[in-house]
Structures are given as structure tokens and as C-alpha cells.
C-alpha atoms as a PDB file:
ATOM      1  CA  UNK A   1     -32.562   1.754  10.393  1.00  0.00           C
ATOM      2  CA  UNK A   2     -29.879  -0.803   9.278  1.00  0.00           C
ATOM      3  CA  UNK A   3     -26.326   0.125   9.362  1.00  0.00           C
ATOM      4  CA  UNK A   4     -24.025  -1.159   6.773  1.00  0.00           C
ATOM      5  CA  UNK A   5     -20.926  -3.074   7.878  1.00  0.00           C
ATOM      6  CA  UNK A   6     -17.768  -0.856   8.070  1.00  0.00           C
ATOM      7  CA  UNK A   7     -14.777  -2.317   6.252  1.00  0.00           C
ATOM      8  CA  UNK A   8     -12.085  -1.582   8.557  1.00  0.00           C
ATOM      9  CA  UNK A   9      -8.364  -1.189   7.374  1.00  0.00           C
ATOM     10  CA  UNK A  10      -6.167  -3.591   9.262  1.00  0.00           C
ATOM     11  CA  UNK A  11      -3.252  -1.795  11.373  1.00  0.00           C
ATOM     12  CA  UNK A  12      -0.770  -3.960  13.047  1.00  0.00           C
ATOM     13  CA  UNK A  13       1.606  -2.434  15.699  1.00  0.00           C
ATOM     14  CA  UNK A  14       4.914  -4.244  16.510  1.00  0.00           C
ATOM     15  CA  UNK A  15       7.234  -3.727  19.525  1.00  0.00           C
ATOM     16  CA  UNK A  16      10.427  -5.638  18.628  1.00  0.00           C
ATOM     17  CA  UNK A  17      12.285  -7.768  20.986  1.00  0.00           C
ATOM     18  CA  UNK A  18      15.441  -6.514  22.590  1.00  0.00           C
ATOM     19  CA  UNK A  19      17.895  -9.226  21.357  1.00  0.00           C
ATOM     20  CA  UNK A  20      21.347  -9.087  23.074  1.00  0.00           C
ATOM     21  CA  UNK A  21      20.022  -6.312  25.876  1.00  0.00           C
ATOM     22  CA  UNK A  22      20.279  -7.553  29.388  1.00  0.00           C
ATOM     23  CA  UNK A  23      16.765  -8.758  30.786  1.00  0.00           C
ATOM     24  CA  UNK A  24      16.935  -6.368  33.419  1.00  0.00           C
ATOM     25  CA  UNK A  25      16.627  -3.622  30.778  1.00  0.00           C
ATOM     26  CA  UNK A  26      14.085  -5.114  28.809  1.00  0.00           C
ATOM     27  CA  UNK A  27      11.474  -6.140  31.096  1.00  0.00           C
ATOM     28  CA  UNK A  28      10.866  -2.605  32.409  1.00  0.00           C
ATOM     29  CA  UNK A  29      10.383  -0.606  29.145  1.00  0.00           C
ATOM     30  CA  UNK A  30       6.827  -0.264  28.206  1.00  0.00           C
ATOM     31  CA  UNK A  31       5.734   0.276  24.513  1.00  0.00           C
ATOM     32  CA  UNK A  32       3.696   3.670  25.350  1.00  0.00           C
ATOM     33  CA  UNK A  33       4.513   5.241  21.897  1.00  0.00           C
ATOM     34  CA  UNK A  34       2.427   2.544  19.867  1.00  0.00           C
ATOM     35  CA  UNK A  35      -0.097   2.424  22.586  1.00  0.00           C
ATOM     36  CA  UNK A  36      -0.591   6.284  22.503  1.00  0.00           C
ATOM     37  CA  UNK A  37      -0.806   5.959  18.692  1.00  0.00           C
ATOM     38  CA  UNK A  38      -3.305   3.261  18.895  1.00  0.00           C
ATOM     39  CA  UNK A  39      -5.604   5.737  21.235  1.00  0.00           C
ATOM     40  CA  UNK A  40      -5.276   8.162  18.853  1.00  0.00           C
ATOM     41  CA  UNK A  41      -5.827   6.201  15.763  1.00  0.00           C
ATOM     42  CA  UNK A  42      -9.130   6.852  13.685  1.00  0.00           C
ATOM     43  CA  UNK A  43     -12.069   4.253  14.335  1.00  0.00           C
ATOM     44  CA  UNK A  44     -11.759   3.319  10.700  1.00  0.00           C
ATOM     45  CA  UNK A  45      -8.676   1.005  11.631  1.00  0.00           C
ATOM     46  CA  UNK A  46      -9.080  -2.211  13.444  1.00  0.00           C
ATOM     47  CA  UNK A  47      -5.856  -2.401  15.569  1.00  0.00           C
ATOM     48  CA  UNK A  48      -3.871  -5.293  16.655  1.00  0.00           C
ATOM     49  CA  UNK A  49      -0.903  -4.965  18.888  1.00  0.00           C
ATOM     50  CA  UNK A  50       1.928  -7.379  19.070  1.00  0.00           C
ATOM     51  CA  UNK A  51       5.068  -7.092  21.780  1.00  0.00           C
ATOM     52  CA  UNK A  52       7.595  -9.349  20.471  1.00  0.00           C
ATOM     53  CA  UNK A  53       8.904  -9.831  24.212  1.00  0.00           C
ATOM     54  CA  UNK A  54       5.710 -11.818  24.995  1.00  0.00           C
ATOM     55  CA  UNK A  55       4.863 -13.492  21.577  1.00  0.00           C
ATOM     56  CA  UNK A  56       6.122 -14.019  18.194  1.00  0.00           C
ATOM     57  CA  UNK A  57       4.914 -11.967  15.071  1.00  0.00           C
ATOM     58  CA  UNK A  58       2.846 -13.669  12.716  1.00  0.00           C
ATOM     59  CA  UNK A  59       4.249 -12.410   9.488  1.00  0.00           C
ATOM     60  CA  UNK A  60       1.151 -13.964   7.553  1.00  0.00           C
ATOM     61  CA  UNK A  61      -1.056 -11.795   9.693  1.00  0.00           C
ATOM     62  CA  UNK A  62      -3.628  -9.844   7.733  1.00  0.00           C
ATOM     63  CA  UNK A  63      -2.533  -6.045   7.412  1.00  0.00           C
ATOM     64  CA  UNK A  64      -3.202  -3.235   5.283  1.00  0.00           C
ATOM     65  CA  UNK A  65      -0.460  -1.122   6.972  1.00  0.00           C
ATOM     66  CA  UNK A  66       2.036  -2.286   9.819  1.00  0.00           C
ATOM     67  CA  UNK A  67       3.543   0.065  12.527  1.00  0.00           C
ATOM     68  CA  UNK A  68       6.793  -0.676  14.135  1.00  0.00           C
ATOM     69  CA  UNK A  69       8.187   1.289  16.923  1.00  0.00           C
ATOM     70  CA  UNK A  70      11.902   0.911  18.199  1.00  0.00           C
ATOM     71  CA  UNK A  71      14.486   2.065  20.190  1.00  0.00           C
ATOM     72  CA  UNK A  72      18.312   2.118  18.889  1.00  0.00           C
ATOM     73  CA  UNK A  73      18.878  -1.342  20.621  1.00  0.00           C
ATOM     74  CA  UNK A  74      15.899  -2.938  18.658  1.00  0.00           C
ATOM     75  CA  UNK A  75      16.500  -1.236  15.307  1.00  0.00           C
ATOM     76  CA  UNK A  76      18.087  -4.318  13.600  1.00  0.00           C
ATOM     77  CA  UNK A  77      15.060  -6.381  14.385  1.00  0.00           C
ATOM     78  CA  UNK A  78      12.906  -3.531  13.600  1.00  0.00           C
ATOM     79  CA  UNK A  79      14.480  -3.438   9.860  1.00  0.00           C
ATOM     80  CA  UNK A  80      13.982  -7.482   9.587  1.00  0.00           C
ATOM     81  CA  UNK A  81      10.608  -7.200  10.548  1.00  0.00           C
ATOM     82  CA  UNK A  82       9.791  -4.221   8.117  1.00  0.00           C
ATOM     83  CA  UNK A  83      11.590  -5.755   5.297  1.00  0.00           C
ATOM     84  CA  UNK A  84       9.331  -9.334   5.799  1.00  0.00           C
ATOM     85  CA  UNK A  85       6.063  -7.172   5.720  1.00  0.00           C
ATOM     86  CA  UNK A  86       7.239  -4.885   2.608  1.00  0.00           C
ATOM     87  CA  UNK A  87       8.188  -8.274   0.749  1.00  0.00           C
ATOM     88  CA  UNK A  88       4.538  -8.904   1.076  1.00  0.00           C
ATOM     89  CA  UNK A  89       3.761  -5.717  -0.581  1.00  0.00           C
ATOM     90  CA  UNK A  90       2.268  -4.355   2.929  1.00  0.00           C
ATOM     91  CA  UNK A  91       3.473  -0.604   3.855  1.00  0.00           C
ATOM     92  CA  UNK A  92       5.403  -0.054   6.864  1.00  0.00           C
ATOM     93  CA  UNK A  93       5.890   2.821   9.148  1.00  0.00           C
ATOM     94  CA  UNK A  94       9.065   2.624  11.414  1.00  0.00           C
ATOM     95  CA  UNK A  95       9.612   5.321  14.214  1.00  0.00           C
END
């Protein structure tokens, strides 16, 4: 029996950089919130994860929804990221 390909929704998860926070604190904080949510997300989503401490955010990346997880020192960068995706019409969830 042939199975039809599933058109998965694209979920982009982003952990923003910690601009201005001492390196000692930035390096030891794992983005466990997003990774936990990814593990609990329905298989109908194709998930991509960006840790901005490791690599840049591709603001042209295809996404049906973007999730940004941030702590207080990352809030400003998280808002900037959210604004860029919302300007493209992509829904953004911040937490």
C-alpha cells in the first residue's frame, strides 16, 4: 500500500544569544526548554533548532511558526528575532 507524503508544518525553534552577559554564564546554560518542547511536539511538525550562541539565525528560513525561548538577559534579542519573523507574516511564540 502506497502512503501519501505528509506535508509537515515547519517549526523553527530559536535560543537567542546572550549579548553583554559574561561568557562564563552564557556557556553553561542549556536550552532545555525548547528541547523539551521539541520532544513533546506532534510528529506533524518538521522541527529545526537554532542556538544563536553556536550559529546565526537565518531570517529567510522557511517556517510556518517560530518559537523563541529566552531568559531576561536574552529578552531584547528575542524581541528583535520575533519582530523580524512577524514582519514576514510568520506567527511567533515567545516564552
